[in-house]
């Protein structure tokens, strides 16, 4: 298991999810009590994250696989795309400057730089349309993002205690000592499922659960990713989201 998410990089130009919600004050959107865009995926790959600190790129690859799977298998739109290890490696090299067989260059990357690369260049030839930051302290907002977009691209400042947990949870002693945020390091995962108590992500080639308390304590950045296959699939477009305004705002940047 390797980590590799660098500290959050802030940019005031980053667009915010809350600015594009179509919910009205008199009839606020209430996300479903649970959403699952994870359970039907047959297999997941490691995406080199057992040997390289490329977790950000691995999370990107898993999102591409997930969203194109649901668009293709469930709705007959397009084909499922599974980025190869070579695709992931190329993205990691481009984004982070990693040089094969030079461990001193395996230093991970930040999520915002990766997102801009994903939108402009793509991973395995697959580009996203846009991304918006999500407030991880607002449960309604991140649940709405998962329900509408299929996942949230999540950054975690992992505690050392997570190394031995089958389900990530805040340790009994609280977020101190080995339970302190970032005491293990930074990690990036796509959260694809939630219910009243837990979220579920994909990491190191397999699904993994975390409690909502863990997410609330250790998430230090979060984004919703708008994928073209997701939008084009009949019935999957985020109807609670002002896509036209987002495209206009992106064009003006």
Protein backbone atom coordinates (compact mmCIF):
# COMPACT_ATOMS: atom_id res chain seq x y z
CA UNK A 1 0.00 0.00 0.00
CA UNK A 2 1.42 3.34 -1.06
CA UNK A 3 0.18 6.87 -0.41
CA UNK A 4 0.97 9.90 -2.54
CA UNK A 5 -1.52 12.75 -2.23
CA UNK A 6 0.27 15.99 -1.63
CA UNK A 7 -1.19 18.77 0.50
CA UNK A 8 -4.21 20.53 -1.01
CA UNK A 9 -3.34 23.21 -3.54
CA UNK A 10 -5.73 26.13 -3.38
CA UNK A 11 -6.75 28.23 -6.36
CA UNK A 12 -9.39 30.92 -6.02
CA UNK A 13 -10.51 30.19 -9.59
CA UNK A 14 -11.69 26.68 -8.66
CA UNK A 15 -15.43 26.49 -9.23
CA UNK A 16 -17.68 25.43 -6.35
CA UNK A 17 -20.40 22.79 -6.45
CA UNK A 18 -22.73 24.94 -4.35
CA UNK A 19 -22.84 27.66 -7.03
CA UNK A 20 -24.45 25.31 -9.57
CA UNK A 21 -27.11 23.57 -7.52
CA UNK A 22 -30.62 24.11 -8.85
CA UNK A 23 -32.34 23.53 -5.54
CA UNK A 24 -34.65 26.33 -4.43
CA UNK A 25 -34.77 27.64 -0.87
CA UNK A 26 -38.50 26.93 -0.62
CA UNK A 27 -38.00 23.35 -1.77
CA UNK A 28 -34.42 22.34 -0.92
CA UNK A 29 -32.98 19.24 -2.52
CA UNK A 30 -32.81 16.29 -0.15
CA UNK A 31 -30.32 13.65 -1.28
CA UNK A 32 -31.39 10.01 -0.95
CA UNK A 33 -30.59 8.28 2.33
CA UNK A 34 -28.20 6.03 0.42
CA UNK A 35 -26.60 5.83 -3.02
CA UNK A 36 -24.54 3.01 -4.50
CA UNK A 37 -22.49 3.43 -7.67
CA UNK A 38 -19.94 0.84 -6.59
CA UNK A 39 -21.58 -2.52 -6.01
CA UNK A 40 -21.93 -3.74 -9.59
CA UNK A 41 -18.35 -3.20 -10.78
CA UNK A 42 -16.88 -6.68 -11.38
CA UNK A 43 -13.18 -6.09 -10.66
CA UNK A 44 -10.78 -3.30 -9.83
CA UNK A 45 -7.10 -2.98 -10.68
CA UNK A 46 -4.26 -1.88 -8.40
CA UNK A 47 -3.17 0.75 -10.93
CA UNK A 48 0.44 0.50 -9.68
CA UNK A 49 -0.48 1.94 -6.28
CA UNK A 50 1.24 -0.95 -4.50
CA UNK A 51 4.61 0.18 -5.85
CA UNK A 52 4.19 3.90 -6.65
CA UNK A 53 2.70 6.86 -4.82
CA UNK A 54 0.26 7.38 -7.69
CA UNK A 55 -2.97 7.17 -5.68
CA UNK A 56 -4.35 10.33 -7.30
CA UNK A 57 -3.95 8.86 -10.78
CA UNK A 58 -5.24 5.48 -9.60
CA UNK A 59 -8.38 7.20 -8.28
CA UNK A 60 -8.82 8.91 -11.64
CA UNK A 61 -8.57 5.57 -13.44
CA UNK A 62 -11.11 3.97 -11.11
CA UNK A 63 -13.58 6.80 -11.70
CA UNK A 64 -13.24 6.41 -15.48
CA UNK A 65 -13.86 2.67 -15.12
CA UNK A 66 -16.84 3.18 -12.80
CA UNK A 67 -18.70 5.85 -14.75
CA UNK A 68 -18.21 4.29 -18.17
CA UNK A 69 -19.30 0.92 -16.72
CA UNK A 70 -22.63 2.31 -15.54
CA UNK A 71 -23.15 4.27 -18.74
CA UNK A 72 -22.41 1.21 -20.92
CA UNK A 73 -23.73 -1.75 -18.94
CA UNK A 74 -26.77 -0.18 -17.34
CA UNK A 75 -27.88 2.28 -19.97
CA UNK A 76 -26.31 1.09 -23.22
CA UNK A 77 -24.40 4.32 -23.76
CA UNK A 78 -20.84 3.97 -25.03
CA UNK A 79 -18.36 1.36 -23.85
CA UNK A 80 -16.72 0.64 -20.52
CA UNK A 81 -13.20 2.08 -20.42
CA UNK A 82 -10.54 0.52 -18.18
CA UNK A 83 -7.33 2.59 -18.20
CA UNK A 84 -4.26 0.35 -18.31
CA UNK A 85 -1.29 0.48 -15.95
CA UNK A 86 0.60 2.14 -18.79
CA UNK A 87 -2.10 4.83 -18.99
CA UNK A 88 -1.88 5.43 -15.26
CA UNK A 89 1.91 5.55 -15.34
CA UNK A 90 1.90 8.05 -18.20
CA UNK A 91 -0.49 10.31 -16.30
CA UNK A 92 1.60 10.07 -13.14
CA UNK A 93 4.77 10.92 -15.05
CA UNK A 94 3.15 13.90 -16.76
CA UNK A 95 1.58 15.28 -13.60
CA UNK A 96 4.28 14.63 -11.01
CA UNK A 97 7.52 14.40 -12.99
CA UNK A 98 8.12 10.82 -11.91
CA UNK A 99 10.99 9.09 -13.72
CA UNK A 100 10.85 5.31 -13.99
CA UNK A 101 13.50 3.56 -11.86
CA UNK A 102 14.32 6.77 -9.99
CA UNK A 103 12.66 6.43 -6.56
CA UNK A 104 13.69 9.96 -5.61
CA UNK A 105 11.11 11.27 -8.11
CA UNK A 106 8.21 9.18 -6.72
CA UNK A 107 6.74 12.00 -4.64
CA UNK A 108 3.02 11.86 -5.43
CA UNK A 109 1.01 14.79 -6.76
CA UNK A 110 -1.71 17.19 -5.74
CA UNK A 111 -5.32 16.66 -6.73
CA UNK A 112 -5.97 20.06 -8.29
CA UNK A 113 -3.08 19.76 -10.73
CA UNK A 114 -4.27 16.25 -11.59
CA UNK A 115 -7.84 17.45 -12.17
CA UNK A 116 -6.71 20.14 -14.58
CA UNK A 117 -4.59 17.57 -16.44
CA UNK A 118 -7.56 15.18 -16.53
CA UNK A 119 -9.77 17.86 -18.09
CA UNK A 120 -7.21 19.11 -20.59
CA UNK A 121 -5.30 15.92 -21.50
CA UNK A 122 -7.18 12.97 -20.05
CA UNK A 123 -6.09 9.58 -18.75
CA UNK A 124 -5.95 6.83 -21.34
CA UNK A 125 -7.42 9.34 -23.81
CA UNK A 126 -10.47 9.91 -21.58
CA UNK A 127 -11.14 13.50 -20.55
CA UNK A 128 -13.61 14.89 -18.04
CA UNK A 129 -15.83 17.84 -18.89
CA UNK A 130 -15.31 19.72 -15.65
CA UNK A 131 -14.81 19.51 -11.91
CA UNK A 132 -16.09 21.49 -8.95
CA UNK A 133 -15.00 21.61 -5.33
CA UNK A 134 -17.37 20.10 -2.77
CA UNK A 135 -17.59 21.13 0.88
CA UNK A 136 -16.76 17.95 2.85
CA UNK A 137 -18.18 19.48 6.03
CA UNK A 138 -21.62 19.77 4.41
CA UNK A 139 -23.18 16.27 4.39
CA UNK A 140 -26.08 17.32 2.16
CA UNK A 141 -23.66 18.69 -0.41
CA UNK A 142 -21.31 15.70 -0.66
CA UNK A 143 -24.20 13.23 -0.57
CA UNK A 144 -25.89 15.17 -3.36
CA UNK A 145 -22.64 15.08 -5.33
CA UNK A 146 -22.37 11.29 -5.01
CA UNK A 147 -26.04 10.78 -5.88
CA UNK A 148 -25.87 13.05 -8.95
CA UNK A 149 -22.34 12.41 -10.24
CA UNK A 150 -21.67 8.84 -9.08
CA UNK A 151 -18.73 9.61 -6.80
CA UNK A 152 -16.64 12.22 -5.07
CA UNK A 153 -12.90 12.54 -5.71
CA UNK A 154 -11.73 12.59 -2.10
CA UNK A 155 -8.48 13.61 -0.43
CA UNK A 156 -7.71 12.16 2.99
CA UNK A 157 -5.07 13.07 5.56
CA UNK A 158 -4.80 9.49 6.82
CA UNK A 159 -3.91 8.64 10.42
CA UNK A 160 -1.47 5.86 11.24
CA UNK A 161 -4.31 3.95 12.92
CA UNK A 162 -5.94 3.40 9.52
CA UNK A 163 -3.13 1.00 8.60
CA UNK A 164 -4.62 -1.79 10.73
CA UNK A 165 -8.35 -1.11 10.26
CA UNK A 166 -10.68 -3.16 8.06
CA UNK A 167 -13.16 -0.29 8.17
CA UNK A 168 -11.61 3.14 8.56
CA UNK A 169 -12.90 4.80 11.72
CA UNK A 170 -11.74 7.46 14.16
CA UNK A 171 -9.85 5.57 16.90
CA UNK A 172 -11.31 5.36 20.39
CA UNK A 173 -8.73 7.83 21.67
CA UNK A 174 -9.73 10.40 19.07
CA UNK A 175 -7.75 12.21 16.39
CA UNK A 176 -4.55 12.51 18.43
CA UNK A 177 -1.23 10.68 18.43
CA UNK A 178 -1.36 7.87 15.87
CA UNK A 179 -4.92 9.00 15.17
CA UNK A 180 -3.82 12.49 14.14
CA UNK A 181 -4.76 13.62 10.62
CA UNK A 182 -1.88 13.03 8.25
CA UNK A 183 0.23 10.99 10.69
CA UNK A 184 0.34 8.25 8.04
CA UNK A 185 0.16 10.55 5.00
CA UNK A 186 -2.06 11.90 2.24
CA UNK A 187 -4.21 9.60 0.13
CA UNK A 188 -6.74 10.02 -2.67
CA UNK A 189 -9.78 7.76 -3.20
CA UNK A 190 -13.07 7.91 -5.08
CA UNK A 191 -16.02 7.54 -2.70
CA UNK A 192 -18.79 5.81 -4.66
CA UNK A 193 -21.32 4.72 -2.06
CA UNK A 194 -22.85 6.04 1.15
CA UNK A 195 -25.60 5.18 3.60
CA UNK A 196 -26.66 6.55 6.97
CA UNK A 197 -23.42 5.50 8.65
CA UNK A 198 -20.66 4.81 6.14
CA UNK A 199 -19.08 5.63 2.82
CA UNK A 200 -17.31 3.18 0.54
CA UNK A 201 -14.38 3.92 -1.73
CA UNK A 202 -12.00 2.01 -3.97
CA UNK A 203 -8.37 1.87 -2.95
CA UNK A 204 -5.48 -0.51 -3.60
CA UNK A 205 -7.60 -2.54 -5.99
CA UNK A 206 -10.61 -3.20 -3.76
CA UNK A 207 -13.60 -1.55 -2.06
CA UNK A 208 -13.05 -0.22 1.46
CA UNK A 209 -15.52 1.30 3.91
CA UNK A 210 -15.07 4.31 6.15
CA UNK A 211 -17.41 5.73 8.75
CA UNK A 212 -18.90 9.14 8.20
CA UNK A 213 -17.04 10.23 11.33
CA UNK A 214 -13.78 9.21 9.69
CA UNK A 215 -14.65 11.12 6.53
CA UNK A 216 -15.60 14.19 8.56
CA UNK A 217 -12.36 14.06 10.53
CA UNK A 218 -9.79 13.24 7.86
CA UNK A 219 -11.10 14.54 4.51
CA UNK A 220 -9.11 17.66 3.62
CA UNK A 221 -10.41 18.21 0.06
CA UNK A 222 -13.17 16.90 -2.15
CA UNK A 223 -14.34 17.35 -5.75
CA UNK A 224 -17.21 16.31 -7.99
CA UNK A 225 -16.12 15.22 -11.45
CA UNK A 226 -18.39 15.69 -14.46
CA UNK A 227 -17.81 12.89 -16.96
CA UNK A 228 -19.03 13.02 -20.59
CA UNK A 229 -20.31 9.42 -20.65
CA UNK A 230 -22.27 10.04 -17.48
CA UNK A 231 -23.91 13.15 -18.90
CA UNK A 232 -24.66 11.59 -22.29
CA UNK A 233 -26.24 8.43 -20.88
CA UNK A 234 -30.03 8.73 -20.91
CA UNK A 235 -31.36 9.41 -17.45
CA UNK A 236 -27.92 9.88 -15.88
CA UNK A 237 -27.34 13.59 -16.47
CA UNK A 238 -27.27 15.54 -13.20
CA UNK A 239 -30.68 17.19 -13.46
CA UNK A 240 -30.17 19.03 -10.17
CA UNK A 241 -27.08 20.75 -11.51
CA UNK A 242 -26.74 23.83 -13.72
CA UNK A 243 -24.42 22.34 -16.34
CA UNK A 244 -24.92 25.12 -18.87
CA UNK A 245 -23.78 27.78 -16.40
CA UNK A 246 -20.77 25.67 -15.42
CA UNK A 247 -19.71 25.35 -19.08
CA UNK A 248 -20.07 29.10 -19.52
CA UNK A 249 -17.97 29.80 -16.44
CA UNK A 250 -15.27 27.34 -17.59
CA UNK A 251 -15.11 29.06 -20.97
CA UNK A 252 -14.50 32.41 -19.27
CA UNK A 253 -11.54 31.21 -17.19
